[in-house]
Amino acid sequence: MVAAAATFSGGEQQRVNVARGFLPELPLLLLDEPTASLDARNRDVVVELIAEKRAAGVGMLGIFHDAEVRAAVADRAVDVEAFVPAVTVAAR
């Protein structure tokens, strides 16, 4: 029996999305929290897939809130909080 995608858990949906992104041979991958909603085993699999693509020369731009994953896959990081405008306080 084939389950409808709408019945997949968050982790199952994430694994399908990651697989779809890694199937074609592309020169650039855009990654938005690729390990979110994954258990530790599947997170490690995705980190290894990312490492393999990187070793093959694929460029990547990603958003990683997980510091451990970011450290494992990124060779450069930009902290975007530096670009957040200062909060202004209304004059009283």
Protein backbone atom coordinates (compact mmCIF):
# COMPACT_ATOMS: atom_id res chain seq x y z
CA MET A 1 0.00 0.00 0.00
CA VAL A 2 1.27 3.47 -0.85
CA ALA A 3 0.51 6.16 1.73
CA ALA A 4 -0.59 9.62 0.66
CA ALA A 5 2.09 12.24 1.30
CA ALA A 6 -0.36 14.16 3.51
CA THR A 7 -0.25 11.26 6.00
CA PHE A 8 3.54 11.39 6.41
CA SER A 9 5.03 12.63 9.67
CA GLY A 10 7.13 15.79 9.65
CA GLY A 11 10.31 13.71 9.57
CA GLU A 12 9.04 11.54 6.72
CA GLN A 13 8.08 14.62 4.71
CA GLN A 14 11.51 16.11 5.38
CA ARG A 15 13.27 12.95 4.15
CA VAL A 16 11.22 13.01 0.94
CA ASN A 17 12.09 16.67 0.38
CA VAL A 18 15.79 16.04 0.98
CA ALA A 19 15.77 13.07 -1.40
CA ARG A 20 14.07 15.13 -4.11
CA GLY A 21 16.71 17.84 -3.73
CA PHE A 22 19.63 15.42 -3.91
CA LEU A 23 18.44 13.34 -6.89
CA PRO A 24 19.32 15.67 -9.77
CA GLU A 25 22.91 16.62 -10.46
CA LEU A 26 22.83 20.34 -9.77
CA PRO A 27 25.73 22.80 -9.43
CA LEU A 28 24.08 24.52 -6.43
CA LEU A 29 21.91 23.33 -3.57
CA LEU A 30 19.73 25.66 -1.53
CA LEU A 31 19.24 24.11 1.90
CA ASP A 32 16.66 25.39 4.38
CA GLU A 33 17.01 23.45 7.62
CA PRO A 34 17.56 20.11 5.86
CA THR A 35 17.81 18.22 9.15
CA ALA A 36 14.77 19.76 10.88
CA SER A 37 12.23 17.18 12.12
CA LEU A 38 14.69 14.30 11.65
CA ASP A 39 15.79 11.82 14.28
CA ALA A 40 19.51 11.52 15.04
CA ARG A 41 20.08 8.61 12.64
CA ASN A 42 18.43 10.33 9.68
CA ARG A 43 20.10 13.63 10.57
CA ASP A 44 23.47 11.89 10.30
CA VAL A 45 22.49 10.42 6.91
CA VAL A 46 21.57 13.87 5.59
CA VAL A 47 24.79 15.40 6.94
CA GLU A 48 26.73 12.66 5.11
CA LEU A 49 24.81 13.33 1.87
CA ILE A 50 25.62 17.02 2.17
CA ALA A 51 29.29 16.19 2.77
CA GLU A 52 29.35 13.96 -0.33
CA LYS A 53 27.84 16.71 -2.50
CA ARG A 54 30.31 19.23 -1.10
CA ALA A 55 33.22 16.89 -1.83
CA ALA A 56 31.92 16.59 -5.41
CA GLY A 57 32.20 20.37 -5.79
CA VAL A 58 28.53 21.26 -5.46
CA GLY A 59 27.99 24.79 -4.16
CA MET A 60 25.60 25.21 -1.25
CA LEU A 61 23.75 28.00 0.44
CA GLY A 62 21.94 26.95 3.56
CA ILE A 63 20.12 28.00 6.67
CA PHE A 64 21.11 25.93 9.68
CA HIS A 65 19.85 26.69 13.17
CA ASP A 66 21.46 23.49 14.47
CA ALA A 67 25.00 24.57 15.39
CA GLU A 68 26.31 20.99 15.32
CA VAL A 69 25.04 20.37 11.78
CA ARG A 70 26.28 23.80 10.66
CA ALA A 71 29.76 23.03 11.99
CA ALA A 72 29.75 19.66 10.21
CA VAL A 73 28.78 20.96 6.77
CA ALA A 74 29.72 24.63 6.47
CA ASP A 75 33.11 26.00 5.58
CA ARG A 76 31.83 29.57 5.96
CA ALA A 77 29.00 31.05 8.01
CA VAL A 78 27.30 34.43 8.16
CA ASP A 79 25.45 35.43 11.30
CA VAL A 80 22.45 37.27 9.89
CA GLU A 81 21.60 38.80 13.26
CA ALA A 82 24.27 41.36 12.46
CA PHE A 83 21.94 42.65 9.73
CA VAL A 84 18.86 43.09 11.93
CA PRO A 85 17.98 46.78 12.30
CA ALA A 86 18.17 48.22 15.77
CA VAL A 87 14.86 48.55 17.55
CA THR A 88 13.83 52.17 17.84
CA VAL A 89 11.99 53.42 20.86
CA ALA A 90 9.25 55.94 20.19
CA ALA A 91 9.91 59.35 21.73
CA ARG A 92 7.81 59.95 24.80
